[in-house]
N, C-alpha and C. Protein backbone atom coordinates (compact mmCIF):
# COMPACT_ATOMS: atom_id res chain seq x y z
N MET A 1 0.85 -1.19 0.00
CA MET A 1 0.00 0.00 0.00
C MET A 1 0.89 1.24 0.00
N ASN A 2 0.79 2.07 -1.05
CA ASN A 2 1.62 3.25 -1.11
C ASN A 2 1.06 4.37 -0.24
N THR A 3 1.83 5.46 -0.18
CA THR A 3 1.46 6.56 0.72
C THR A 3 0.12 7.17 0.35
N ARG A 4 -0.12 7.35 -0.95
CA ARG A 4 -1.38 7.98 -1.38
C ARG A 4 -2.57 7.09 -1.03
N THR A 5 -2.44 5.79 -1.27
CA THR A 5 -3.54 4.88 -0.95
C THR A 5 -3.80 4.86 0.55
N PHE A 6 -2.73 4.82 1.35
CA PHE A 6 -2.89 4.83 2.80
C PHE A 6 -3.60 6.10 3.25
N ALA A 7 -3.27 7.22 2.61
CA ALA A 7 -3.91 8.49 2.96
C ALA A 7 -5.41 8.45 2.66
N VAL A 8 -5.79 7.80 1.56
CA VAL A 8 -7.20 7.70 1.21
C VAL A 8 -7.93 6.79 2.20
N VAL A 9 -7.29 5.69 2.59
CA VAL A 9 -7.88 4.81 3.60
C VAL A 9 -8.09 5.58 4.90
N ARG A 10 -7.10 6.34 5.29
CA ARG A 10 -7.21 7.14 6.52
C ARG A 10 -8.31 8.19 6.39
N TYR A 11 -8.44 8.76 5.20
CA TYR A 11 -9.51 9.74 4.96
C TYR A 11 -10.88 9.10 5.17
N TYR A 12 -11.08 7.92 4.61
CA TYR A 12 -12.37 7.26 4.76
C TYR A 12 -12.62 6.85 6.21
N ALA A 13 -11.57 6.38 6.88
CA ALA A 13 -11.73 5.99 8.28
C ALA A 13 -12.10 7.19 9.14
N THR A 14 -11.47 8.33 8.88
CA THR A 14 -11.77 9.55 9.63
C THR A 14 -13.17 10.06 9.31
N LEU A 15 -13.53 10.01 8.04
CA LEU A 15 -14.87 10.44 7.63
C LEU A 15 -15.94 9.60 8.30
N PHE A 16 -15.72 8.29 8.34
CA PHE A 16 -16.69 7.38 8.95
C PHE A 16 -16.79 7.61 10.45
N ALA A 17 -15.65 7.86 11.08
CA ALA A 17 -15.66 8.12 12.52
C ALA A 17 -16.45 9.39 12.83
N GLY A 18 -16.25 10.42 12.02
CA GLY A 18 -16.96 11.67 12.25
C GLY A 18 -18.44 11.58 11.97
N SER A 19 -18.82 10.71 11.06
CA SER A 19 -20.24 10.56 10.72
C SER A 19 -21.04 9.85 11.81
N GLN A 20 -20.34 9.10 12.65
CA GLN A 20 -20.94 8.31 13.74
C GLN A 20 -21.86 7.20 13.22
N ARG A 21 -21.75 6.87 11.93
CA ARG A 21 -22.55 5.77 11.40
C ARG A 21 -22.07 4.41 11.88
N TRP A 22 -20.89 4.38 12.44
CA TRP A 22 -20.37 3.13 13.01
C TRP A 22 -21.03 2.83 14.35
N LEU A 23 -21.63 3.83 14.96
CA LEU A 23 -22.09 3.69 16.33
C LEU A 23 -23.19 2.64 16.47
N ALA A 24 -24.18 2.65 15.58
CA ALA A 24 -25.30 1.71 15.71
C ALA A 24 -24.85 0.26 15.57
N PRO A 25 -24.11 -0.14 14.52
CA PRO A 25 -23.67 -1.54 14.46
C PRO A 25 -22.71 -1.91 15.57
N ALA A 26 -21.84 -0.98 15.96
CA ALA A 26 -20.91 -1.29 17.05
C ALA A 26 -21.64 -1.46 18.37
N LEU A 27 -22.64 -0.62 18.60
CA LEU A 27 -23.42 -0.73 19.84
C LEU A 27 -24.21 -2.03 19.86
N LEU A 28 -24.79 -2.39 18.71
CA LEU A 28 -25.52 -3.66 18.64
C LEU A 28 -24.59 -4.83 18.95
N TYR A 29 -23.41 -4.80 18.37
CA TYR A 29 -22.47 -5.90 18.61
C TYR A 29 -22.03 -5.94 20.07
N GLY A 30 -21.83 -4.77 20.66
CA GLY A 30 -21.45 -4.72 22.07
C GLY A 30 -22.54 -5.29 22.97
N ILE A 31 -23.79 -4.98 22.66
CA ILE A 31 -24.90 -5.51 23.45
C ILE A 31 -24.98 -7.03 23.32
N VAL A 32 -24.81 -7.50 22.09
CA VAL A 32 -24.84 -8.95 21.85
C VAL A 32 -23.76 -9.66 22.65
N LEU A 33 -22.56 -9.10 22.65
CA LEU A 33 -21.46 -9.70 23.39
C LEU A 33 -21.71 -9.64 24.89
N ALA A 34 -22.28 -8.54 25.36
CA ALA A 34 -22.56 -8.41 26.79
C ALA A 34 -23.57 -9.47 27.25
N ILE A 35 -24.58 -9.71 26.41
CA ILE A 35 -25.57 -10.73 26.76
C ILE A 35 -24.95 -12.11 26.79
N ASP A 36 -24.11 -12.40 25.81
CA ASP A 36 -23.51 -13.73 25.73
C ASP A 36 -22.48 -13.97 26.83
N SER A 37 -21.81 -12.91 27.28
CA SER A 37 -20.74 -13.08 28.26
C SER A 37 -21.25 -13.56 29.61
N THR A 38 -22.55 -13.45 29.84
CA THR A 38 -23.11 -13.88 31.12
C THR A 38 -23.67 -15.29 31.05
N GLY A 39 -23.53 -15.96 29.89
CA GLY A 39 -24.18 -17.25 29.73
C GLY A 39 -23.36 -18.44 30.13
N GLY A 40 -22.06 -18.27 30.43
CA GLY A 40 -21.23 -19.39 30.83
C GLY A 40 -20.94 -20.37 29.70
N ASP A 41 -20.83 -19.90 28.46
CA ASP A 41 -20.57 -20.77 27.32
C ASP A 41 -19.13 -21.25 27.32
N THR A 42 -18.89 -22.29 26.53
CA THR A 42 -17.51 -22.67 26.26
C THR A 42 -16.89 -21.66 25.31
N ALA A 43 -15.57 -21.70 25.18
CA ALA A 43 -14.90 -20.78 24.27
C ALA A 43 -15.36 -21.02 22.84
N ALA A 44 -15.58 -22.28 22.47
CA ALA A 44 -16.03 -22.59 21.11
C ALA A 44 -17.39 -21.98 20.85
N ASP A 45 -18.31 -22.12 21.80
CA ASP A 45 -19.63 -21.51 21.64
C ASP A 45 -19.56 -20.00 21.59
N ALA A 46 -18.71 -19.42 22.43
CA ALA A 46 -18.58 -17.97 22.47
C ALA A 46 -18.03 -17.43 21.15
N PHE A 47 -17.05 -18.12 20.58
CA PHE A 47 -16.51 -17.71 19.29
C PHE A 47 -17.56 -17.85 18.18
N ALA A 48 -18.29 -18.94 18.21
CA ALA A 48 -19.32 -19.16 17.19
C ALA A 48 -20.41 -18.09 17.28
N TYR A 49 -20.79 -17.76 18.48
CA TYR A 49 -21.83 -16.75 18.70
C TYR A 49 -21.37 -15.38 18.22
N SER A 50 -20.17 -14.99 18.64
CA SER A 50 -19.68 -13.66 18.27
C SER A 50 -19.43 -13.56 16.77
N ALA A 51 -18.95 -14.64 16.14
CA ALA A 51 -18.70 -14.62 14.70
C ALA A 51 -19.99 -14.53 13.92
N ALA A 52 -21.03 -15.22 14.39
CA ALA A 52 -22.31 -15.19 13.69
C ALA A 52 -22.90 -13.79 13.65
N PHE A 53 -22.75 -13.02 14.72
CA PHE A 53 -23.26 -11.66 14.73
C PHE A 53 -22.28 -10.69 14.07
N LEU A 54 -21.02 -11.08 14.02
CA LEU A 54 -20.01 -10.22 13.41
C LEU A 54 -20.25 -10.04 11.92
N LEU A 55 -20.74 -11.07 11.24
CA LEU A 55 -20.93 -10.99 9.79
C LEU A 55 -21.93 -9.89 9.41
N PRO A 56 -23.15 -9.88 9.95
CA PRO A 56 -24.07 -8.78 9.59
C PRO A 56 -23.59 -7.42 10.07
N VAL A 57 -22.88 -7.38 11.19
CA VAL A 57 -22.34 -6.10 11.66
C VAL A 57 -21.31 -5.57 10.68
N ALA A 58 -20.43 -6.44 10.18
CA ALA A 58 -19.45 -6.03 9.18
C ALA A 58 -20.13 -5.58 7.90
N ALA A 59 -21.19 -6.28 7.50
CA ALA A 59 -21.92 -5.88 6.29
C ALA A 59 -22.58 -4.52 6.48
N TRP A 60 -23.16 -4.31 7.64
CA TRP A 60 -23.81 -3.03 7.95
C TRP A 60 -22.78 -1.90 7.92
N MET A 61 -21.64 -2.12 8.56
CA MET A 61 -20.60 -1.09 8.58
C MET A 61 -20.09 -0.79 7.18
N THR A 62 -19.94 -1.84 6.37
CA THR A 62 -19.41 -1.64 5.02
C THR A 62 -20.36 -0.81 4.17
N ARG A 63 -21.65 -1.15 4.19
CA ARG A 63 -22.59 -0.35 3.41
C ARG A 63 -22.66 1.08 3.93
N SER A 64 -22.60 1.23 5.24
CA SER A 64 -22.62 2.58 5.81
C SER A 64 -21.39 3.37 5.37
N MET A 65 -20.22 2.71 5.37
CA MET A 65 -19.00 3.37 4.93
C MET A 65 -19.13 3.85 3.48
N LEU A 66 -19.70 3.02 2.62
CA LEU A 66 -19.78 3.34 1.20
C LEU A 66 -20.86 4.36 0.87
N THR A 67 -21.69 4.70 1.84
CA THR A 67 -22.75 5.70 1.61
C THR A 67 -22.56 6.95 2.45
N THR A 68 -21.44 7.06 3.13
CA THR A 68 -21.21 8.20 4.02
C THR A 68 -20.71 9.44 3.27
N GLU A 69 -19.88 9.22 2.26
CA GLU A 69 -19.19 10.33 1.59
C GLU A 69 -20.15 11.16 0.74
N PRO A 70 -20.13 12.48 0.87
CA PRO A 70 -20.92 13.34 -0.02
C PRO A 70 -20.48 13.18 -1.48
N ALA A 71 -21.41 13.39 -2.40
CA ALA A 71 -21.13 13.18 -3.82
C ALA A 71 -19.98 14.05 -4.31
N GLU A 72 -19.91 15.29 -3.82
CA GLU A 72 -18.85 16.19 -4.27
C GLU A 72 -17.48 15.67 -3.82
N SER A 73 -17.38 15.22 -2.59
CA SER A 73 -16.12 14.68 -2.10
C SER A 73 -15.75 13.40 -2.83
N ALA A 74 -16.75 12.56 -3.09
CA ALA A 74 -16.49 11.31 -3.81
C ALA A 74 -15.93 11.58 -5.19
N ALA A 75 -16.46 12.61 -5.85
CA ALA A 75 -15.98 12.96 -7.18
C ALA A 75 -14.53 13.42 -7.14
N MET A 76 -14.18 14.21 -6.13
CA MET A 76 -12.81 14.69 -6.03
C MET A 76 -11.83 13.57 -5.74
N VAL A 77 -12.21 12.67 -4.82
CA VAL A 77 -11.33 11.55 -4.49
C VAL A 77 -11.16 10.63 -5.69
N ALA A 78 -12.26 10.37 -6.40
CA ALA A 78 -12.19 9.51 -7.58
C ALA A 78 -11.30 10.13 -8.66
N THR A 79 -11.34 11.44 -8.79
CA THR A 79 -10.48 12.12 -9.76
C THR A 79 -9.03 12.07 -9.33
N LEU A 80 -8.78 12.18 -8.04
CA LEU A 80 -7.42 12.23 -7.51
C LEU A 80 -6.71 10.88 -7.60
N VAL A 81 -7.38 9.81 -7.18
CA VAL A 81 -6.71 8.50 -7.11
C VAL A 81 -7.33 7.46 -8.03
N GLY A 82 -8.45 7.80 -8.66
CA GLY A 82 -9.14 6.83 -9.51
C GLY A 82 -10.29 6.19 -8.77
N PRO A 83 -11.41 5.90 -9.44
CA PRO A 83 -12.58 5.33 -8.76
C PRO A 83 -12.33 3.95 -8.17
N VAL A 84 -11.51 3.14 -8.83
CA VAL A 84 -11.24 1.79 -8.30
C VAL A 84 -10.46 1.88 -7.00
N ARG A 85 -9.39 2.66 -7.00
CA ARG A 85 -8.59 2.78 -5.78
C ARG A 85 -9.39 3.42 -4.66
N ALA A 86 -10.23 4.38 -5.00
CA ALA A 86 -11.05 5.02 -3.97
C ALA A 86 -12.02 4.02 -3.35
N ARG A 87 -12.66 3.20 -4.19
CA ARG A 87 -13.61 2.21 -3.66
C ARG A 87 -12.89 1.16 -2.82
N LEU A 88 -11.75 0.69 -3.28
CA LEU A 88 -11.00 -0.30 -2.51
C LEU A 88 -10.49 0.29 -1.19
N ALA A 89 -10.14 1.55 -1.20
CA ALA A 89 -9.70 2.20 0.04
C ALA A 89 -10.85 2.28 1.04
N ALA A 90 -12.05 2.61 0.56
CA ALA A 90 -13.22 2.65 1.44
C ALA A 90 -13.53 1.27 2.01
N LEU A 91 -13.42 0.25 1.18
CA LEU A 91 -13.67 -1.12 1.65
C LEU A 91 -12.61 -1.55 2.66
N THR A 92 -11.38 -1.12 2.45
CA THR A 92 -10.31 -1.44 3.41
C THR A 92 -10.58 -0.77 4.75
N ALA A 93 -11.02 0.49 4.71
CA ALA A 93 -11.34 1.19 5.95
C ALA A 93 -12.48 0.50 6.69
N ALA A 94 -13.50 0.08 5.94
CA ALA A 94 -14.62 -0.63 6.56
C ALA A 94 -14.16 -1.94 7.19
N THR A 95 -13.26 -2.62 6.52
CA THR A 95 -12.72 -3.88 7.06
C THR A 95 -11.98 -3.63 8.36
N CYS A 96 -11.24 -2.53 8.44
CA CYS A 96 -10.51 -2.20 9.67
C CYS A 96 -11.47 -1.98 10.83
N TYR A 97 -12.57 -1.29 10.57
CA TYR A 97 -13.56 -1.09 11.63
C TYR A 97 -14.17 -2.42 12.08
N ALA A 98 -14.48 -3.28 11.12
CA ALA A 98 -15.05 -4.58 11.46
C ALA A 98 -14.03 -5.44 12.22
N LEU A 99 -12.76 -5.32 11.88
CA LEU A 99 -11.74 -6.08 12.59
C LEU A 99 -11.62 -5.62 14.04
N LEU A 100 -11.84 -4.35 14.30
CA LEU A 100 -11.85 -3.88 15.69
C LEU A 100 -12.96 -4.56 16.48
N CYS A 101 -14.13 -4.72 15.84
CA CYS A 101 -15.22 -5.46 16.48
C CYS A 101 -14.82 -6.92 16.70
N ALA A 102 -14.11 -7.48 15.72
CA ALA A 102 -13.68 -8.87 15.86
C ALA A 102 -12.71 -9.04 17.03
N VAL A 103 -11.83 -8.07 17.22
CA VAL A 103 -10.91 -8.12 18.36
C VAL A 103 -11.69 -8.10 19.67
N LEU A 104 -12.70 -7.25 19.74
CA LEU A 104 -13.54 -7.20 20.94
C LEU A 104 -14.24 -8.53 21.15
N GLY A 105 -14.77 -9.12 20.07
CA GLY A 105 -15.43 -10.41 20.20
C GLY A 105 -14.50 -11.50 20.66
N ALA A 106 -13.27 -11.47 20.17
CA ALA A 106 -12.29 -12.49 20.56
C ALA A 106 -11.91 -12.35 22.03
N VAL A 107 -11.75 -11.11 22.48
CA VAL A 107 -11.42 -10.89 23.89
C VAL A 107 -12.53 -11.40 24.80
N VAL A 108 -13.77 -11.11 24.44
CA VAL A 108 -14.90 -11.59 25.23
C VAL A 108 -14.97 -13.11 25.22
N ALA A 109 -14.76 -13.71 24.05
CA ALA A 109 -14.82 -15.17 23.95
C ALA A 109 -13.74 -15.83 24.80
N LEU A 110 -12.56 -15.24 24.80
CA LEU A 110 -11.44 -15.83 25.55
C LEU A 110 -11.57 -15.63 27.05
N THR A 111 -12.18 -14.53 27.45
CA THR A 111 -12.30 -14.25 28.88
C THR A 111 -13.57 -14.84 29.49
N ALA A 112 -14.66 -14.83 28.74
CA ALA A 112 -15.93 -15.32 29.27
C ALA A 112 -16.13 -16.80 29.00
N GLY A 113 -15.54 -17.32 27.92
CA GLY A 113 -15.69 -18.74 27.60
C GLY A 113 -14.80 -19.61 28.45
N SER A 114 -15.13 -20.88 28.50
CA SER A 114 -14.35 -21.83 29.30
C SER A 114 -13.98 -23.04 28.44
N HIS A 115 -12.97 -23.77 28.89
CA HIS A 115 -12.55 -25.02 28.24
C HIS A 115 -12.09 -24.79 26.80
N GLY A 116 -11.33 -23.75 26.59
CA GLY A 116 -10.82 -23.48 25.25
C GLY A 116 -9.36 -23.85 25.11
N GLY A 117 -9.02 -24.65 24.12
CA GLY A 117 -7.64 -25.00 23.85
C GLY A 117 -7.07 -24.13 22.75
N GLY A 118 -5.80 -24.38 22.44
CA GLY A 118 -5.15 -23.60 21.40
C GLY A 118 -5.79 -23.77 20.04
N SER A 119 -6.17 -25.00 19.71
CA SER A 119 -6.79 -25.24 18.40
C SER A 119 -8.16 -24.58 18.30
N THR A 120 -8.90 -24.61 19.40
CA THR A 120 -10.21 -23.96 19.42
C THR A 120 -10.07 -22.46 19.27
N THR A 121 -9.09 -21.88 19.96
CA THR A 121 -8.86 -20.45 19.85
C THR A 121 -8.47 -20.06 18.43
N ALA A 122 -7.58 -20.84 17.83
CA ALA A 122 -7.17 -20.55 16.45
C ALA A 122 -8.35 -20.65 15.49
N ALA A 123 -9.15 -21.69 15.66
CA ALA A 123 -10.32 -21.85 14.79
C ALA A 123 -11.32 -20.71 14.99
N GLY A 124 -11.48 -20.29 16.24
CA GLY A 124 -12.39 -19.19 16.52
C GLY A 124 -11.92 -17.89 15.90
N LEU A 125 -10.63 -17.61 15.99
CA LEU A 125 -10.09 -16.38 15.40
C LEU A 125 -10.23 -16.39 13.88
N VAL A 126 -9.94 -17.53 13.27
CA VAL A 126 -10.08 -17.63 11.81
C VAL A 126 -11.55 -17.47 11.41
N THR A 127 -12.45 -18.05 12.20
CA THR A 127 -13.87 -17.92 11.89
C THR A 127 -14.33 -16.47 11.95
N GLU A 128 -13.86 -15.74 12.95
CA GLU A 128 -14.21 -14.33 13.03
C GLU A 128 -13.67 -13.55 11.83
N LEU A 129 -12.44 -13.88 11.41
CA LEU A 129 -11.86 -13.21 10.25
C LEU A 129 -12.67 -13.52 8.99
N LEU A 130 -13.09 -14.78 8.84
CA LEU A 130 -13.92 -15.14 7.69
C LEU A 130 -15.22 -14.34 7.68
N CYS A 131 -15.82 -14.19 8.84
CA CYS A 131 -17.10 -13.47 8.92
C CYS A 131 -16.92 -11.99 8.62
N VAL A 132 -15.77 -11.43 9.02
CA VAL A 132 -15.49 -10.04 8.66
C VAL A 132 -15.39 -9.89 7.15
N LEU A 133 -14.62 -10.76 6.51
CA LEU A 133 -14.44 -10.68 5.07
C LEU A 133 -15.76 -10.87 4.32
N LEU A 134 -16.51 -11.87 4.71
CA LEU A 134 -17.78 -12.13 4.04
C LEU A 134 -18.79 -11.01 4.30
N GLY A 135 -18.72 -10.41 5.48
CA GLY A 135 -19.59 -9.28 5.76
C GLY A 135 -19.27 -8.09 4.87
N THR A 136 -17.97 -7.83 4.65
CA THR A 136 -17.61 -6.73 3.75
C THR A 136 -18.04 -7.05 2.32
N ALA A 137 -18.00 -8.31 1.95
CA ALA A 137 -18.46 -8.70 0.61
C ALA A 137 -19.95 -8.41 0.45
N ALA A 138 -20.74 -8.76 1.46
CA ALA A 138 -22.18 -8.50 1.41
C ALA A 138 -22.47 -7.01 1.36
N GLY A 139 -21.76 -6.25 2.18
CA GLY A 139 -21.97 -4.81 2.19
C GLY A 139 -21.55 -4.15 0.89
N ALA A 140 -20.49 -4.67 0.26
CA ALA A 140 -19.98 -4.08 -0.98
C ALA A 140 -20.97 -4.19 -2.12
N VAL A 141 -21.62 -5.34 -2.25
CA VAL A 141 -22.54 -5.53 -3.38
C VAL A 141 -23.93 -4.96 -3.10
N ALA A 142 -24.19 -4.57 -1.85
CA ALA A 142 -25.49 -4.01 -1.50
C ALA A 142 -25.45 -2.49 -1.40
N ALA A 143 -24.33 -1.89 -1.81
CA ALA A 143 -24.16 -0.44 -1.70
C ALA A 143 -24.19 0.20 -3.08
N PRO A 144 -24.43 1.51 -3.15
CA PRO A 144 -24.33 2.21 -4.43
C PRO A 144 -22.90 2.08 -4.99
N PRO A 145 -22.73 2.06 -6.30
CA PRO A 145 -23.77 2.25 -7.32
C PRO A 145 -24.51 0.98 -7.71
N LEU A 146 -24.14 -0.18 -7.15
CA LEU A 146 -24.82 -1.42 -7.51
C LEU A 146 -26.27 -1.40 -7.04
N VAL A 147 -26.50 -0.95 -5.81
CA VAL A 147 -27.86 -0.85 -5.27
C VAL A 147 -27.99 0.54 -4.65
N ARG A 148 -28.72 1.42 -5.33
CA ARG A 148 -28.81 2.80 -4.88
C ARG A 148 -29.90 3.05 -3.82
N PRO A 149 -31.12 2.53 -3.97
CA PRO A 149 -32.15 2.81 -2.97
C PRO A 149 -31.76 2.26 -1.60
N THR A 150 -31.91 3.08 -0.58
CA THR A 150 -31.51 2.68 0.77
C THR A 150 -32.29 1.46 1.25
N GLY A 151 -33.59 1.47 1.02
CA GLY A 151 -34.41 0.35 1.49
C GLY A 151 -34.00 -0.97 0.88
N TRP A 152 -33.80 -1.00 -0.44
CA TRP A 152 -33.38 -2.23 -1.10
C TRP A 152 -31.99 -2.63 -0.67
N GLY A 153 -31.12 -1.65 -0.45
CA GLY A 153 -29.76 -1.97 -0.01
C GLY A 153 -29.73 -2.61 1.36
N VAL A 154 -30.50 -2.05 2.28
CA VAL A 154 -30.57 -2.61 3.63
C VAL A 154 -31.16 -4.02 3.59
N LEU A 155 -32.21 -4.19 2.79
CA LEU A 155 -32.83 -5.51 2.67
C LEU A 155 -31.84 -6.52 2.10
N LEU A 156 -31.08 -6.11 1.09
CA LEU A 156 -30.11 -7.02 0.48
C LEU A 156 -28.99 -7.36 1.45
N VAL A 157 -28.55 -6.39 2.23
CA VAL A 157 -27.53 -6.67 3.25
C VAL A 157 -28.01 -7.74 4.21
N GLY A 158 -29.26 -7.61 4.65
CA GLY A 158 -29.81 -8.60 5.57
C GLY A 158 -29.94 -9.97 4.96
N LEU A 159 -30.42 -10.02 3.73
CA LEU A 159 -30.60 -11.32 3.07
C LEU A 159 -29.26 -11.99 2.78
N LEU A 160 -28.30 -11.21 2.30
CA LEU A 160 -26.98 -11.79 2.03
C LEU A 160 -26.30 -12.27 3.30
N SER A 161 -26.42 -11.49 4.36
CA SER A 161 -25.83 -11.90 5.64
C SER A 161 -26.45 -13.19 6.14
N LEU A 162 -27.78 -13.26 6.06
CA LEU A 162 -28.46 -14.48 6.49
C LEU A 162 -28.06 -15.66 5.61
N GLY A 163 -28.01 -15.45 4.31
CA GLY A 163 -27.62 -16.54 3.41
C GLY A 163 -26.21 -17.04 3.68
N LEU A 164 -25.29 -16.12 3.94
CA LEU A 164 -23.91 -16.53 4.21
C LEU A 164 -23.77 -17.25 5.55
N LEU A 165 -24.73 -17.04 6.43
CA LEU A 165 -24.68 -17.71 7.73
C LEU A 165 -25.34 -19.08 7.73
N ILE A 166 -26.29 -19.31 6.84
CA ILE A 166 -27.04 -20.57 6.90
C ILE A 166 -26.84 -21.47 5.70
N ALA A 167 -26.30 -20.95 4.59
CA ALA A 167 -26.10 -21.79 3.41
C ALA A 167 -25.02 -22.83 3.68
N ARG A 168 -25.26 -24.05 3.32
CA ARG A 168 -24.33 -25.14 3.62
C ARG A 168 -22.99 -24.99 2.92
N PHE A 169 -22.99 -24.33 1.77
CA PHE A 169 -21.74 -24.15 1.03
C PHE A 169 -20.97 -22.91 1.50
N SER A 170 -21.52 -22.18 2.46
CA SER A 170 -20.89 -20.95 2.92
C SER A 170 -19.71 -21.26 3.84
N PRO A 171 -18.58 -20.59 3.66
CA PRO A 171 -17.44 -20.78 4.58
C PRO A 171 -17.81 -20.40 6.02
N ALA A 172 -18.62 -19.35 6.19
CA ALA A 172 -19.00 -18.94 7.54
C ALA A 172 -19.82 -20.03 8.23
N ASP A 173 -20.79 -20.58 7.52
CA ASP A 173 -21.62 -21.63 8.10
C ASP A 173 -20.78 -22.85 8.49
N ALA A 174 -19.89 -23.26 7.60
CA ALA A 174 -19.07 -24.44 7.88
C ALA A 174 -18.15 -24.21 9.08
N ALA A 175 -17.54 -23.02 9.14
CA ALA A 175 -16.63 -22.73 10.25
C ALA A 175 -17.37 -22.64 11.57
N ILE A 176 -18.53 -21.99 11.58
CA ILE A 176 -19.31 -21.86 12.81
C ILE A 176 -19.81 -23.23 13.27
N ARG A 177 -20.25 -24.07 12.34
CA ARG A 177 -20.72 -25.41 12.72
C ARG A 177 -19.59 -26.25 13.30
N SER A 178 -18.36 -26.05 12.82
CA SER A 178 -17.23 -26.81 13.39
C SER A 178 -16.99 -26.42 14.84
N LEU A 179 -17.26 -25.15 15.18
CA LEU A 179 -17.08 -24.71 16.56
C LEU A 179 -18.21 -25.22 17.46
N THR A 180 -19.44 -25.17 16.95
CA THR A 180 -20.55 -25.65 17.77
C THR A 180 -20.46 -27.16 17.98
N ALA A 181 -19.85 -27.89 17.05
CA ALA A 181 -19.66 -29.32 17.24
C ALA A 181 -18.75 -29.60 18.42
N VAL A 182 -17.74 -28.75 18.61
CA VAL A 182 -16.83 -28.91 19.75
C VAL A 182 -17.58 -28.70 21.05
N SER A 183 -18.43 -27.70 21.10
CA SER A 183 -19.18 -27.42 22.33
C SER A 183 -20.16 -28.54 22.66
N ASN A 184 -20.52 -29.32 21.64
CA ASN A 184 -21.44 -30.45 21.87
C ASN A 184 -20.69 -31.75 22.15
N GLY A 185 -19.39 -31.63 22.36
CA GLY A 185 -18.61 -32.81 22.73
C GLY A 185 -17.87 -33.47 21.60
N GLY A 186 -18.00 -32.96 20.39
CA GLY A 186 -17.32 -33.55 19.25
C GLY A 186 -15.90 -33.04 19.10
N ALA A 187 -15.20 -33.60 18.14
CA ALA A 187 -13.84 -33.16 17.85
C ALA A 187 -13.88 -31.97 16.90
N LEU A 188 -12.83 -31.19 16.93
CA LEU A 188 -12.75 -30.03 16.06
C LEU A 188 -12.31 -30.47 14.66
N HIS A 189 -13.16 -30.24 13.69
CA HIS A 189 -12.83 -30.52 12.29
C HIS A 189 -13.05 -29.23 11.50
N PHE A 190 -12.09 -28.34 11.61
CA PHE A 190 -12.24 -27.04 10.95
C PHE A 190 -12.14 -27.22 9.44
N PRO A 191 -13.05 -26.62 8.68
CA PRO A 191 -13.02 -26.75 7.21
C PRO A 191 -11.90 -25.90 6.61
N TYR A 192 -10.81 -26.56 6.23
CA TYR A 192 -9.65 -25.80 5.74
C TYR A 192 -9.88 -25.19 4.36
N TRP A 193 -10.95 -25.60 3.70
CA TRP A 193 -11.29 -24.97 2.42
C TRP A 193 -11.98 -23.63 2.63
N ALA A 194 -12.44 -23.36 3.86
CA ALA A 194 -13.23 -22.16 4.11
C ALA A 194 -12.45 -20.86 3.89
N PRO A 195 -11.22 -20.71 4.43
CA PRO A 195 -10.51 -19.44 4.22
C PRO A 195 -10.27 -19.09 2.75
N PRO A 196 -9.73 -19.99 1.92
CA PRO A 196 -9.55 -19.59 0.52
C PRO A 196 -10.87 -19.32 -0.20
N PHE A 197 -11.92 -20.06 0.13
CA PHE A 197 -13.21 -19.83 -0.50
C PHE A 197 -13.76 -18.46 -0.10
N ALA A 198 -13.58 -18.11 1.18
CA ALA A 198 -14.03 -16.79 1.65
C ALA A 198 -13.25 -15.68 0.95
N LEU A 199 -11.96 -15.89 0.74
CA LEU A 199 -11.15 -14.90 0.04
C LEU A 199 -11.63 -14.71 -1.39
N VAL A 200 -11.99 -15.82 -2.04
CA VAL A 200 -12.49 -15.73 -3.42
C VAL A 200 -13.81 -14.95 -3.47
N ILE A 201 -14.73 -15.27 -2.56
CA ILE A 201 -16.02 -14.57 -2.52
C ILE A 201 -15.81 -13.08 -2.28
N THR A 202 -14.93 -12.77 -1.33
CA THR A 202 -14.67 -11.37 -1.01
C THR A 202 -14.02 -10.64 -2.19
N ALA A 203 -13.06 -11.31 -2.84
CA ALA A 203 -12.38 -10.68 -3.98
C ALA A 203 -13.35 -10.40 -5.12
N VAL A 204 -14.24 -11.35 -5.38
CA VAL A 204 -15.23 -11.16 -6.45
C VAL A 204 -16.16 -10.00 -6.12
N ALA A 205 -16.62 -9.94 -4.87
CA ALA A 205 -17.53 -8.87 -4.47
C ALA A 205 -16.85 -7.51 -4.53
N TRP A 206 -15.62 -7.45 -4.02
CA TRP A 206 -14.89 -6.18 -4.05
C TRP A 206 -14.61 -5.75 -5.48
N ALA A 207 -14.24 -6.71 -6.33
CA ALA A 207 -13.96 -6.39 -7.73
C ALA A 207 -15.22 -5.88 -8.43
N GLY A 208 -16.36 -6.51 -8.14
CA GLY A 208 -17.61 -6.05 -8.72
C GLY A 208 -17.96 -4.64 -8.28
N ALA A 209 -17.76 -4.36 -6.98
CA ALA A 209 -18.05 -3.02 -6.48
C ALA A 209 -17.11 -1.98 -7.07
N ALA A 210 -15.83 -2.35 -7.23
CA ALA A 210 -14.86 -1.42 -7.81
C ALA A 210 -15.16 -1.17 -9.29
N HIS A 211 -15.53 -2.22 -10.02
CA HIS A 211 -15.86 -2.06 -11.43
C HIS A 211 -17.09 -1.18 -11.60
N ALA A 212 -18.09 -1.38 -10.74
CA ALA A 212 -19.30 -0.55 -10.81
C ALA A 212 -18.97 0.92 -10.55
N ALA A 213 -17.98 1.15 -9.68
CA ALA A 213 -17.59 2.53 -9.37
C ALA A 213 -17.00 3.23 -10.59
N THR A 214 -16.34 2.49 -11.46
CA THR A 214 -15.75 3.10 -12.66
C THR A 214 -16.82 3.49 -13.67
N ARG A 215 -17.96 2.86 -13.61
CA ARG A 215 -19.04 3.13 -14.57
C ARG A 215 -20.03 4.16 -14.05
N HIS A 216 -19.88 4.52 -12.77
CA HIS A 216 -20.78 5.49 -12.19
C HIS A 216 -19.98 6.50 -11.36
N VAL A 217 -19.04 7.13 -12.00
CA VAL A 217 -18.24 8.15 -11.30
C VAL A 217 -19.13 9.32 -10.95
N PRO A 218 -19.14 9.75 -9.67
CA PRO A 218 -20.03 10.84 -9.25
C PRO A 218 -19.75 12.11 -10.04
């Protein structure tokens, strides 16, 4: 990442912080974690629970990030660094915010959960990372210019998040089920195909969002 790209990422992160649009998804995630921390779950259950809510939170943050910038500012940034780099920088900033939530979820899972080994912790951390990436993918394709109306965008974010959590072929579903199997007394069989598959899904979604940005320069 060169200096100019880093500056654009920092610009989007600062813009999002000032807009306070991060507050609602972050507060929701904090409440969810607070409720779960009193339940006495195992570490595997705690990681599965936090990761499952992390995906829609990351999607919500991503769409909010991509709709925060005023049209005039978006036009200037797109002219300065190019629409593709600007869109990728915004998605990177959104990912950083979601990763902060993931860190909080991991801390809660490790402190509130019990009976967690090294392999369970590693699987839990990877699962949270997968859910962050897939959440940004959902948010990217549900944001303008691909989906301009707010109502349809929010609906699509919800549907995509739900689909990525329950579809059997989804990396998030497979990883979360491997953690819940441990809490039910089974052995940990983490799906090692899940990380590369999640990366492919995320790359395709980000590429689609970036390509759409080139065709709809503000």
